[in-house]
Amino acid sequence: MKQIAVPFLLAIGILFSISSCKKHGSDNGGGGNGNANDIDVTVPYTKSAVLPAIDSPFNLVSLPVEKTDTFATKVDEMLNLYAGGISKSKIKTLTAKTMNVIVDGGTGQTFDFVDDSVKVYVDSFGGTNPILVAYKYGIPKGATSIDFNVVNTDIKNLFYAPFMQVTMKFNTVPHEKVLAGSNFVTNFSFRIIASGN
């Protein structure tokens, strides 16, 4: 059951398809370092996938799901494209900014198959010290969109290596299904503050 494809972990290659806005200044909300020469870059990422159906006998009881995916960081490439060639060594902070997952309608699918507590962790590739970056408690019945609470923890050191990993943990809800053909869309954004000097 741990190999169930999880909509929230479609973040393989979070920094692959990037569009961003570049700002100079002390802060864009969320606590920068305050230097007027800093470069403040928001990196959004969107990916969609159709999940396999989950039905009897798999949904008869609540089961823990822990799914880990690995992705390339490509921070140098992103900084070259969107921050004027700033290198990784210039990064001051890198934090999760937003996380949202929606069901792209048409099937009647909801997030009722996900239990009340969902947590997202990041770690170095093959690492054993996961860092909590997003969580959600209290998913409403019938929800088709989930906005996660993000944790403002600096994870820049994880991006220095070519690869890192993301892990999602939650329990399934007994007798709730994932309908065939359900399309899930994951939206992330990360905030990078780098020295402009």
N, C-alpha and C. Protein backbone atom coordinates (compact mmCIF):
# COMPACT_ATOMS: atom_id res chain seq x y z
N MET A 1 0.82 -1.20 0.00
CA MET A 1 0.00 0.00 0.00
C MET A 1 0.86 1.26 0.00
N LYS A 2 2.12 1.09 0.46
CA LYS A 2 3.00 2.25 0.52
C LYS A 2 3.37 2.75 -0.87
N GLN A 3 3.10 1.96 -1.88
CA GLN A 3 3.43 2.39 -3.23
C GLN A 3 2.29 3.11 -3.91
N ILE A 4 1.21 3.40 -3.17
CA ILE A 4 0.10 4.15 -3.75
C ILE A 4 0.63 5.51 -4.21
N ALA A 5 0.31 5.90 -5.41
CA ALA A 5 0.73 7.22 -5.89
C ALA A 5 -0.07 8.27 -5.14
N VAL A 6 0.61 9.22 -4.56
CA VAL A 6 -0.01 10.22 -3.71
C VAL A 6 0.02 11.56 -4.42
N PRO A 7 -1.12 12.23 -4.52
CA PRO A 7 -1.14 13.48 -5.29
C PRO A 7 -0.19 14.53 -4.77
N PHE A 8 0.04 14.53 -3.46
CA PHE A 8 0.84 15.59 -2.89
C PHE A 8 2.31 15.42 -3.20
N LEU A 9 2.72 14.25 -3.64
CA LEU A 9 4.14 14.01 -3.86
C LEU A 9 4.48 13.99 -5.32
N LEU A 10 3.78 14.76 -6.08
CA LEU A 10 4.09 14.87 -7.49
C LEU A 10 5.07 16.01 -7.68
N ALA A 11 5.94 16.15 -6.69
CA ALA A 11 6.89 17.25 -6.70
C ALA A 11 8.23 16.85 -7.26
N ILE A 12 8.31 15.75 -7.99
CA ILE A 12 9.56 15.37 -8.61
C ILE A 12 9.95 16.47 -9.57
N GLY A 13 11.06 17.04 -9.37
CA GLY A 13 11.49 18.13 -10.24
C GLY A 13 10.83 19.43 -9.90
N ILE A 14 10.74 19.77 -8.61
CA ILE A 14 10.05 20.98 -8.19
C ILE A 14 10.63 22.20 -8.91
N LEU A 15 11.89 22.15 -9.26
CA LEU A 15 12.51 23.31 -9.88
C LEU A 15 12.77 23.11 -11.37
N PHE A 16 12.03 22.19 -12.01
CA PHE A 16 12.24 21.91 -13.43
C PHE A 16 11.60 22.98 -14.31
N SER A 17 10.31 23.23 -14.11
CA SER A 17 9.58 24.17 -14.96
C SER A 17 9.30 25.41 -14.14
N ILE A 18 10.12 26.41 -14.28
CA ILE A 18 10.09 27.52 -13.36
C ILE A 18 9.73 28.81 -14.07
N SER A 19 8.80 29.53 -13.46
CA SER A 19 8.61 30.93 -13.81
C SER A 19 8.67 31.68 -12.50
N SER A 20 9.27 32.85 -12.47
CA SER A 20 9.41 33.53 -11.19
C SER A 20 9.39 35.03 -11.37
N CYS A 21 9.23 35.70 -10.22
CA CYS A 21 9.36 37.15 -10.22
C CYS A 21 10.54 37.49 -9.32
N LYS A 22 11.35 38.46 -9.75
CA LYS A 22 12.54 38.84 -9.01
C LYS A 22 12.31 40.20 -8.38
N LYS A 23 12.59 40.30 -7.08
CA LYS A 23 12.38 41.56 -6.38
C LYS A 23 13.62 41.87 -5.56
N HIS A 24 13.95 43.14 -5.48
CA HIS A 24 15.01 43.60 -4.60
C HIS A 24 14.34 44.31 -3.43
N GLY A 25 14.92 44.15 -2.26
CA GLY A 25 14.36 44.86 -1.12
C GLY A 25 14.46 44.05 0.13
N SER A 26 13.92 44.60 1.19
CA SER A 26 14.12 43.99 2.50
C SER A 26 13.22 42.81 2.74
N ASP A 27 11.99 42.83 2.19
CA ASP A 27 11.08 41.75 2.53
C ASP A 27 9.91 41.73 1.56
N ASN A 28 9.43 40.52 1.29
CA ASN A 28 8.25 40.32 0.45
C ASN A 28 7.18 39.60 1.25
N GLY A 29 7.24 39.72 2.57
CA GLY A 29 6.34 38.97 3.45
C GLY A 29 6.99 37.68 3.84
N GLY A 30 6.99 37.33 5.10
CA GLY A 30 7.53 36.06 5.53
C GLY A 30 8.93 36.15 6.08
N GLY A 31 9.48 37.32 6.28
CA GLY A 31 10.71 37.43 7.05
C GLY A 31 11.99 37.29 6.28
N GLY A 32 12.40 38.26 5.51
CA GLY A 32 13.68 38.23 4.84
C GLY A 32 14.77 38.70 5.78
N ASN A 33 15.99 38.85 5.23
CA ASN A 33 17.10 39.28 6.06
C ASN A 33 17.27 40.79 6.08
N GLY A 34 16.50 41.52 5.27
CA GLY A 34 16.46 42.96 5.40
C GLY A 34 17.47 43.74 4.61
N ASN A 35 18.34 43.14 3.82
CA ASN A 35 19.33 43.86 3.05
C ASN A 35 18.71 44.37 1.75
N ALA A 36 18.88 45.66 1.47
CA ALA A 36 18.27 46.27 0.29
C ALA A 36 18.82 45.70 -1.01
N ASN A 37 20.00 45.08 -0.97
CA ASN A 37 20.60 44.50 -2.16
C ASN A 37 20.20 43.04 -2.40
N ASP A 38 19.44 42.47 -1.48
CA ASP A 38 19.04 41.07 -1.62
C ASP A 38 18.13 40.87 -2.82
N ILE A 39 18.21 39.69 -3.40
CA ILE A 39 17.32 39.28 -4.48
C ILE A 39 16.31 38.30 -3.89
N ASP A 40 15.03 38.59 -4.08
CA ASP A 40 13.94 37.81 -3.51
C ASP A 40 13.20 37.14 -4.67
N VAL A 41 13.31 35.82 -4.79
CA VAL A 41 12.76 35.09 -5.93
C VAL A 41 11.71 34.09 -5.45
N THR A 42 10.51 34.15 -6.03
CA THR A 42 9.48 33.15 -5.77
C THR A 42 9.44 32.17 -6.93
N VAL A 43 9.56 30.89 -6.62
CA VAL A 43 9.65 29.85 -7.63
C VAL A 43 8.39 28.98 -7.56
N PRO A 44 7.46 29.13 -8.50
CA PRO A 44 6.27 28.28 -8.51
C PRO A 44 6.48 27.01 -9.33
N TYR A 45 5.71 25.99 -9.01
CA TYR A 45 5.76 24.73 -9.75
C TYR A 45 4.38 24.09 -9.73
N THR A 46 3.94 23.60 -10.87
CA THR A 46 2.64 22.93 -10.97
C THR A 46 2.81 21.63 -11.74
N LYS A 47 2.18 20.57 -11.25
CA LYS A 47 2.21 19.28 -11.93
C LYS A 47 0.89 18.56 -11.70
N SER A 48 0.43 17.83 -12.71
CA SER A 48 -0.80 17.06 -12.54
C SER A 48 -0.56 15.60 -12.88
N ALA A 49 -1.36 14.74 -12.31
CA ALA A 49 -1.25 13.31 -12.57
C ALA A 49 -2.58 12.63 -12.26
N VAL A 50 -2.86 11.56 -12.98
CA VAL A 50 -4.04 10.74 -12.73
C VAL A 50 -3.63 9.59 -11.83
N LEU A 51 -4.32 9.43 -10.71
CA LEU A 51 -4.00 8.36 -9.78
C LEU A 51 -4.71 7.08 -10.16
N PRO A 52 -4.10 5.94 -9.83
CA PRO A 52 -4.82 4.67 -10.02
C PRO A 52 -5.99 4.58 -9.05
N ALA A 53 -7.01 3.88 -9.46
CA ALA A 53 -8.18 3.71 -8.59
C ALA A 53 -7.82 2.93 -7.34
N ILE A 54 -8.42 3.30 -6.22
CA ILE A 54 -8.29 2.56 -4.96
C ILE A 54 -9.68 2.14 -4.55
N ASP A 55 -9.90 0.84 -4.51
CA ASP A 55 -11.22 0.31 -4.18
C ASP A 55 -11.02 -0.98 -3.40
N SER A 56 -12.10 -1.67 -3.09
CA SER A 56 -12.02 -2.93 -2.35
C SER A 56 -11.07 -3.87 -3.08
N PRO A 57 -10.26 -4.66 -2.36
CA PRO A 57 -10.21 -4.78 -0.90
C PRO A 57 -9.24 -3.80 -0.23
N PHE A 58 -8.62 -2.90 -1.01
CA PHE A 58 -7.58 -2.04 -0.48
C PHE A 58 -8.08 -0.98 0.50
N ASN A 59 -9.35 -0.61 0.40
CA ASN A 59 -9.82 0.49 1.23
C ASN A 59 -10.69 0.04 2.40
N LEU A 60 -10.60 -1.22 2.77
CA LEU A 60 -11.45 -1.72 3.84
C LEU A 60 -11.02 -1.26 5.22
N VAL A 61 -9.72 -1.00 5.41
CA VAL A 61 -9.21 -0.55 6.71
C VAL A 61 -8.32 0.66 6.49
N SER A 62 -8.05 1.39 7.57
CA SER A 62 -7.12 2.51 7.51
C SER A 62 -5.69 1.98 7.47
N LEU A 63 -4.92 2.48 6.52
CA LEU A 63 -3.54 2.05 6.39
C LEU A 63 -2.61 3.26 6.35
N PRO A 64 -1.41 3.14 6.97
CA PRO A 64 -0.45 4.24 6.89
C PRO A 64 0.18 4.28 5.50
N VAL A 65 0.31 5.48 4.95
CA VAL A 65 0.96 5.66 3.66
C VAL A 65 2.17 6.55 3.87
N GLU A 66 3.31 6.08 3.42
CA GLU A 66 4.54 6.87 3.44
C GLU A 66 5.18 6.72 2.07
N LYS A 67 5.23 7.81 1.33
CA LYS A 67 5.72 7.78 -0.04
C LYS A 67 6.84 8.79 -0.19
N THR A 68 7.99 8.34 -0.68
CA THR A 68 9.14 9.22 -0.87
C THR A 68 9.50 9.29 -2.35
N ASP A 69 9.70 10.51 -2.83
CA ASP A 69 10.14 10.73 -4.20
C ASP A 69 11.42 11.56 -4.18
N THR A 70 12.25 11.35 -5.19
CA THR A 70 13.52 12.06 -5.32
C THR A 70 13.43 13.01 -6.51
N PHE A 71 14.02 14.19 -6.39
CA PHE A 71 14.04 15.12 -7.51
C PHE A 71 15.35 15.89 -7.56
N ALA A 72 15.67 16.37 -8.75
CA ALA A 72 16.86 17.19 -8.95
C ALA A 72 16.58 18.62 -8.50
N THR A 73 17.53 19.22 -7.80
CA THR A 73 17.31 20.57 -7.28
C THR A 73 17.46 21.63 -8.37
N LYS A 74 18.51 21.55 -9.17
CA LYS A 74 18.76 22.49 -10.27
C LYS A 74 18.72 23.95 -9.84
N VAL A 75 19.23 24.23 -8.65
CA VAL A 75 19.19 25.60 -8.15
C VAL A 75 20.10 26.51 -8.97
N ASP A 76 21.28 26.04 -9.35
CA ASP A 76 22.18 26.88 -10.15
C ASP A 76 21.51 27.29 -11.45
N GLU A 77 20.86 26.33 -12.10
CA GLU A 77 20.17 26.62 -13.36
C GLU A 77 19.08 27.67 -13.15
N MET A 78 18.31 27.52 -12.09
CA MET A 78 17.24 28.47 -11.80
C MET A 78 17.78 29.85 -11.50
N LEU A 79 18.85 29.92 -10.70
CA LEU A 79 19.42 31.22 -10.36
C LEU A 79 20.05 31.89 -11.58
N ASN A 80 20.63 31.11 -12.47
CA ASN A 80 21.18 31.69 -13.70
C ASN A 80 20.07 32.30 -14.55
N LEU A 81 18.93 31.62 -14.61
CA LEU A 81 17.84 32.09 -15.45
C LEU A 81 17.10 33.28 -14.85
N TYR A 82 16.90 33.27 -13.53
CA TYR A 82 15.98 34.22 -12.93
C TYR A 82 16.58 35.16 -11.90
N ALA A 83 17.83 34.99 -11.57
CA ALA A 83 18.42 35.87 -10.56
C ALA A 83 19.78 36.40 -11.00
N GLY A 84 19.97 36.55 -12.29
CA GLY A 84 21.17 37.20 -12.80
C GLY A 84 22.46 36.46 -12.56
N GLY A 85 22.42 35.13 -12.54
CA GLY A 85 23.64 34.34 -12.42
C GLY A 85 24.15 34.17 -11.02
N ILE A 86 23.33 34.47 -10.00
CA ILE A 86 23.74 34.26 -8.61
C ILE A 86 23.99 32.77 -8.38
N SER A 87 25.06 32.42 -7.69
CA SER A 87 25.37 31.02 -7.42
C SER A 87 24.72 30.56 -6.13
N LYS A 88 24.76 29.26 -5.90
CA LYS A 88 24.19 28.70 -4.67
C LYS A 88 24.82 29.31 -3.43
N SER A 89 26.09 29.65 -3.51
CA SER A 89 26.78 30.20 -2.34
C SER A 89 26.20 31.54 -1.90
N LYS A 90 25.43 32.20 -2.78
CA LYS A 90 24.83 33.49 -2.45
C LYS A 90 23.46 33.35 -1.77
N ILE A 91 22.92 32.14 -1.73
CA ILE A 91 21.60 31.95 -1.13
C ILE A 91 21.68 32.16 0.38
N LYS A 92 20.81 33.03 0.88
CA LYS A 92 20.73 33.25 2.32
C LYS A 92 19.69 32.34 2.96
N THR A 93 18.49 32.29 2.36
CA THR A 93 17.44 31.42 2.88
C THR A 93 16.65 30.83 1.71
N LEU A 94 16.16 29.63 1.92
CA LEU A 94 15.25 28.98 0.97
C LEU A 94 14.17 28.30 1.79
N THR A 95 12.93 28.74 1.60
CA THR A 95 11.82 28.23 2.41
C THR A 95 10.63 27.88 1.52
N ALA A 96 9.82 26.94 1.98
CA ALA A 96 8.55 26.69 1.32
C ALA A 96 7.66 27.91 1.53
N LYS A 97 6.91 28.28 0.52
CA LYS A 97 6.04 29.45 0.62
C LYS A 97 4.57 29.08 0.58
N THR A 98 4.16 28.27 -0.40
CA THR A 98 2.77 27.80 -0.48
C THR A 98 2.74 26.36 -0.96
N MET A 99 1.65 25.67 -0.63
CA MET A 99 1.40 24.33 -1.14
C MET A 99 -0.10 24.11 -1.21
N ASN A 100 -0.57 23.68 -2.38
CA ASN A 100 -1.99 23.45 -2.59
C ASN A 100 -2.15 22.25 -3.52
N VAL A 101 -3.16 21.45 -3.26
CA VAL A 101 -3.50 20.33 -4.15
C VAL A 101 -5.00 20.38 -4.42
N ILE A 102 -5.38 20.23 -5.69
CA ILE A 102 -6.79 20.23 -6.06
C ILE A 102 -7.13 18.99 -6.88
N VAL A 103 -8.41 18.61 -6.84
CA VAL A 103 -8.92 17.59 -7.76
C VAL A 103 -9.47 18.33 -8.97
N ASP A 104 -8.92 18.00 -10.12
CA ASP A 104 -9.37 18.64 -11.37
C ASP A 104 -10.64 17.94 -11.82
N GLY A 105 -11.79 18.49 -11.43
CA GLY A 105 -13.15 17.95 -11.56
C GLY A 105 -13.45 16.90 -12.62
N GLY A 106 -14.69 16.52 -12.70
CA GLY A 106 -15.16 15.61 -13.73
C GLY A 106 -15.48 14.21 -13.24
N THR A 107 -14.85 13.76 -12.16
CA THR A 107 -15.08 12.41 -11.67
C THR A 107 -15.89 12.38 -10.38
N GLY A 108 -16.02 13.51 -9.72
CA GLY A 108 -16.68 13.53 -8.41
C GLY A 108 -15.75 13.13 -7.28
N GLN A 109 -14.45 13.01 -7.57
CA GLN A 109 -13.47 12.63 -6.54
C GLN A 109 -13.31 13.74 -5.51
N THR A 110 -13.11 13.35 -4.27
CA THR A 110 -12.78 14.27 -3.18
C THR A 110 -11.53 13.77 -2.48
N PHE A 111 -11.12 14.48 -1.45
CA PHE A 111 -9.99 14.05 -0.62
C PHE A 111 -10.46 13.28 0.61
N ASP A 112 -11.65 12.70 0.56
CA ASP A 112 -12.18 11.95 1.69
C ASP A 112 -11.36 10.70 2.00
N PHE A 113 -10.54 10.24 1.05
CA PHE A 113 -9.71 9.05 1.30
C PHE A 113 -8.49 9.36 2.15
N VAL A 114 -8.21 10.65 2.40
CA VAL A 114 -7.06 11.06 3.19
C VAL A 114 -7.51 11.37 4.61
N ASP A 115 -6.83 10.78 5.59
CA ASP A 115 -7.18 10.98 6.98
C ASP A 115 -6.91 12.42 7.41
N ASP A 116 -7.19 12.71 8.66
CA ASP A 116 -7.22 14.07 9.17
C ASP A 116 -5.85 14.74 9.32
N SER A 117 -4.77 14.00 9.20
CA SER A 117 -3.44 14.55 9.40
C SER A 117 -2.53 14.18 8.23
N VAL A 118 -2.00 15.19 7.54
CA VAL A 118 -1.10 14.97 6.42
C VAL A 118 0.15 15.79 6.66
N LYS A 119 1.33 15.18 6.49
CA LYS A 119 2.59 15.89 6.71
C LYS A 119 3.53 15.66 5.54
N VAL A 120 4.28 16.71 5.19
CA VAL A 120 5.24 16.65 4.10
C VAL A 120 6.62 16.99 4.65
N TYR A 121 7.60 16.13 4.37
CA TYR A 121 8.96 16.31 4.84
C TYR A 121 9.93 16.39 3.66
N VAL A 122 11.04 17.10 3.85
CA VAL A 122 12.13 17.08 2.89
C VAL A 122 13.39 16.62 3.60
N ASP A 123 14.32 16.06 2.82
CA ASP A 123 15.58 15.56 3.38
C ASP A 123 16.60 15.52 2.25
N SER A 124 17.86 15.39 2.62
CA SER A 124 18.88 15.16 1.62
C SER A 124 18.65 13.80 0.98
N PHE A 125 19.17 13.60 -0.21
CA PHE A 125 19.00 12.33 -0.92
C PHE A 125 19.57 11.19 -0.07
N GLY A 126 18.73 10.22 0.28
CA GLY A 126 19.16 9.12 1.12
C GLY A 126 19.34 9.49 2.58
N GLY A 127 18.88 10.69 2.96
CA GLY A 127 19.09 11.18 4.32
C GLY A 127 18.18 10.54 5.34
N THR A 128 18.50 10.77 6.61
CA THR A 128 17.73 10.20 7.72
C THR A 128 17.29 11.28 8.71
N ASN A 129 17.32 12.56 8.29
CA ASN A 129 16.92 13.66 9.16
C ASN A 129 15.86 14.52 8.45
N PRO A 130 14.65 13.98 8.27
CA PRO A 130 13.63 14.73 7.55
C PRO A 130 13.22 16.00 8.27
N ILE A 131 12.90 17.04 7.47
CA ILE A 131 12.48 18.33 8.00
C ILE A 131 11.04 18.58 7.55
N LEU A 132 10.16 18.86 8.51
CA LEU A 132 8.77 19.15 8.19
C LEU A 132 8.67 20.49 7.48
N VAL A 133 8.04 20.50 6.28
CA VAL A 133 7.88 21.75 5.54
C VAL A 133 6.42 22.13 5.30
N ALA A 134 5.50 21.18 5.42
CA ALA A 134 4.08 21.50 5.23
C ALA A 134 3.22 20.46 5.94
N TYR A 135 2.04 20.89 6.38
CA TYR A 135 1.14 19.97 7.06
C TYR A 135 -0.30 20.47 6.91
N LYS A 136 -1.22 19.55 7.15
CA LYS A 136 -2.63 19.91 7.15
C LYS A 136 -3.36 19.04 8.15
N TYR A 137 -4.11 19.68 9.03
CA TYR A 137 -5.00 18.99 9.96
C TYR A 137 -6.43 19.41 9.65
N GLY A 138 -7.35 18.50 9.77
CA GLY A 138 -8.75 18.85 9.61
C GLY A 138 -9.17 19.06 8.18
N ILE A 139 -9.04 18.05 7.34
CA ILE A 139 -9.49 18.15 5.95
C ILE A 139 -11.01 18.03 5.95
N PRO A 140 -11.72 19.04 5.45
CA PRO A 140 -13.19 19.01 5.49
C PRO A 140 -13.76 17.89 4.62
N LYS A 141 -14.86 17.33 5.05
CA LYS A 141 -15.56 16.32 4.26
C LYS A 141 -15.96 16.92 2.92
N GLY A 142 -15.68 16.18 1.86
CA GLY A 142 -16.05 16.62 0.52
C GLY A 142 -15.09 17.60 -0.12
N ALA A 143 -13.94 17.87 0.52
CA ALA A 143 -12.99 18.86 -0.01
C ALA A 143 -12.42 18.41 -1.35
N THR A 144 -12.31 19.36 -2.26
CA THR A 144 -11.66 19.11 -3.56
C THR A 144 -10.42 19.98 -3.73
N SER A 145 -10.09 20.76 -2.70
CA SER A 145 -8.89 21.59 -2.70
C SER A 145 -8.34 21.64 -1.29
N ILE A 146 -7.03 21.51 -1.15
CA ILE A 146 -6.39 21.56 0.16
C ILE A 146 -5.27 22.58 0.13
N ASP A 147 -5.34 23.57 1.01
CA ASP A 147 -4.23 24.50 1.22
C ASP A 147 -3.48 24.06 2.47
N PHE A 148 -2.20 23.77 2.31
CA PHE A 148 -1.38 23.31 3.42
C PHE A 148 -0.84 24.50 4.21
N ASN A 149 -0.58 24.26 5.49
CA ASN A 149 0.19 25.18 6.30
C ASN A 149 1.66 24.90 6.02
N VAL A 150 2.43 25.94 5.71
CA VAL A 150 3.85 25.74 5.45
C VAL A 150 4.66 26.16 6.66
N VAL A 151 5.79 25.51 6.85
CA VAL A 151 6.68 25.78 7.96
C VAL A 151 7.83 26.63 7.44
N ASN A 152 8.06 27.77 8.06
CA ASN A 152 9.07 28.71 7.59
C ASN A 152 10.45 28.31 8.10
N THR A 153 10.92 27.13 7.64
CA THR A 153 12.22 26.61 8.03
C THR A 153 13.17 26.71 6.84
N ASP A 154 14.37 27.22 7.08
CA ASP A 154 15.35 27.36 6.03
C ASP A 154 15.87 25.97 5.63
N ILE A 155 15.68 25.62 4.34
CA ILE A 155 16.12 24.31 3.84
C ILE A 155 17.16 24.46 2.73
N LYS A 156 17.87 25.59 2.72
CA LYS A 156 18.82 25.85 1.64
C LYS A 156 19.92 24.79 1.56
N ASN A 157 20.36 24.25 2.70
CA ASN A 157 21.45 23.27 2.68
C ASN A 157 21.07 22.00 1.91
N LEU A 158 19.78 21.69 1.88
CA LEU A 158 19.33 20.50 1.14
C LEU A 158 19.46 20.71 -0.37
N PHE A 159 19.46 21.96 -0.81
CA PHE A 159 19.52 22.25 -2.23
C PHE A 159 20.95 22.36 -2.76
N TYR A 160 21.94 22.24 -1.91
CA TYR A 160 23.32 22.29 -2.37
C TYR A 160 23.72 21.02 -3.11
N ALA A 161 23.09 19.91 -2.75
CA ALA A 161 23.36 18.64 -3.44
C ALA A 161 22.52 18.57 -4.71
N PRO A 162 22.91 17.75 -5.69
CA PRO A 162 22.16 17.65 -6.94
C PRO A 162 20.74 17.12 -6.76
N PHE A 163 20.52 16.30 -5.73
CA PHE A 163 19.21 15.68 -5.52
C PHE A 163 18.79 15.82 -4.07
N MET A 164 17.46 15.84 -3.87
CA MET A 164 16.90 15.77 -2.53
C MET A 164 15.63 14.92 -2.59
N GLN A 165 15.01 14.69 -1.46
CA GLN A 165 13.82 13.84 -1.45
C GLN A 165 12.70 14.47 -0.63
N VAL A 166 11.47 14.12 -1.03
CA VAL A 166 10.26 14.60 -0.37
C VAL A 166 9.46 13.39 0.08
N THR A 167 8.97 13.43 1.30
CA THR A 167 8.19 12.32 1.85
C THR A 167 6.85 12.83 2.35
N MET A 168 5.78 12.13 1.95
CA MET A 168 4.41 12.43 2.40
C MET A 168 3.97 11.32 3.35
N LYS A 169 3.36 11.69 4.45
CA LYS A 169 2.85 10.70 5.40
C LYS A 169 1.41 11.03 5.76
N PHE A 170 0.55 10.02 5.67
CA PHE A 170 -0.83 10.13 6.14
C PHE A 170 -1.42 8.74 6.25
N ASN A 171 -2.61 8.66 6.83
CA ASN A 171 -3.36 7.41 6.88
C ASN A 171 -4.54 7.50 5.94
N THR A 172 -4.91 6.38 5.35
CA THR A 172 -6.12 6.35 4.53
C THR A 172 -7.34 6.22 5.42
N VAL A 173 -8.49 6.55 4.87
CA VAL A 173 -9.77 6.44 5.58
C VAL A 173 -10.47 5.18 5.12
N PRO A 174 -10.90 4.32 6.05
CA PRO A 174 -11.58 3.08 5.64
C PRO A 174 -12.81 3.36 4.79
N HIS A 175 -12.97 2.54 3.76
CA HIS A 175 -14.16 2.55 2.89
C HIS A 175 -14.26 3.78 1.99
N GLU A 176 -13.19 4.57 1.88
CA GLU A 176 -13.18 5.70 0.95
C GLU A 176 -12.34 5.33 -0.28
N LYS A 177 -12.79 5.77 -1.44
CA LYS A 177 -12.19 5.34 -2.70
C LYS A 177 -11.43 6.47 -3.39
N VAL A 178 -10.52 6.07 -4.29
CA VAL A 178 -10.00 6.96 -5.31
C VAL A 178 -10.60 6.47 -6.62
N LEU A 179 -11.37 7.30 -7.28
CA LEU A 179 -12.09 6.90 -8.48
C LEU A 179 -11.17 6.88 -9.69
N ALA A 180 -11.40 5.96 -10.60
CA ALA A 180 -10.59 5.85 -11.81
C ALA A 180 -10.66 7.15 -12.60
N GLY A 181 -9.51 7.59 -13.11
CA GLY A 181 -9.47 8.78 -13.95
C GLY A 181 -9.40 10.09 -13.20
N SER A 182 -9.25 10.03 -11.89
CA SER A 182 -9.19 11.27 -11.11
C SER A 182 -7.85 11.97 -11.32
N ASN A 183 -7.91 13.26 -11.69
CA ASN A 183 -6.71 14.04 -11.96
C ASN A 183 -6.44 14.98 -10.80
N PHE A 184 -5.23 14.90 -10.26
CA PHE A 184 -4.84 15.73 -9.13
C PHE A 184 -3.77 16.71 -9.57
N VAL A 185 -3.92 17.98 -9.18
CA VAL A 185 -2.99 19.03 -9.56
C VAL A 185 -2.29 19.55 -8.31
N THR A 186 -0.97 19.50 -8.30
CA THR A 186 -0.17 19.96 -7.18
C THR A 186 0.47 21.29 -7.51
N ASN A 187 0.32 22.27 -6.64
CA ASN A 187 0.91 23.60 -6.81
C ASN A 187 1.80 23.90 -5.62
N PHE A 188 3.09 24.13 -5.89
CA PHE A 188 4.05 24.52 -4.86
C PHE A 188 4.61 25.89 -5.19
N SER A 189 5.13 26.59 -4.20
CA SER A 189 6.05 27.69 -4.46
C SER A 189 7.09 27.73 -3.35
N PHE A 190 8.30 28.14 -3.74
CA PHE A 190 9.40 28.30 -2.80
C PHE A 190 9.92 29.72 -2.88
N ARG A 191 10.42 30.21 -1.78
CA ARG A 191 10.98 31.56 -1.73
C ARG A 191 12.46 31.47 -1.48
N ILE A 192 13.25 32.11 -2.35
CA ILE A 192 14.69 32.14 -2.20
C ILE A 192 15.12 33.60 -2.03
N ILE A 193 15.88 33.86 -0.97
CA ILE A 193 16.49 35.16 -0.78
C ILE A 193 18.00 34.97 -0.92
N ALA A 194 18.58 35.70 -1.86
CA ALA A 194 20.01 35.59 -2.14
C ALA A 194 20.67 36.95 -2.07
N SER A 195 21.95 36.95 -1.75
CA SER A 195 22.69 38.19 -1.71
C SER A 195 22.91 38.71 -3.12
N GLY A 196 22.60 39.99 -3.34
CA GLY A 196 22.82 40.61 -4.64
C GLY A 196 24.20 41.20 -4.78
N ASN A 197 25.03 41.09 -3.75
CA ASN A 197 26.37 41.66 -3.80
C ASN A 197 27.37 40.70 -4.42
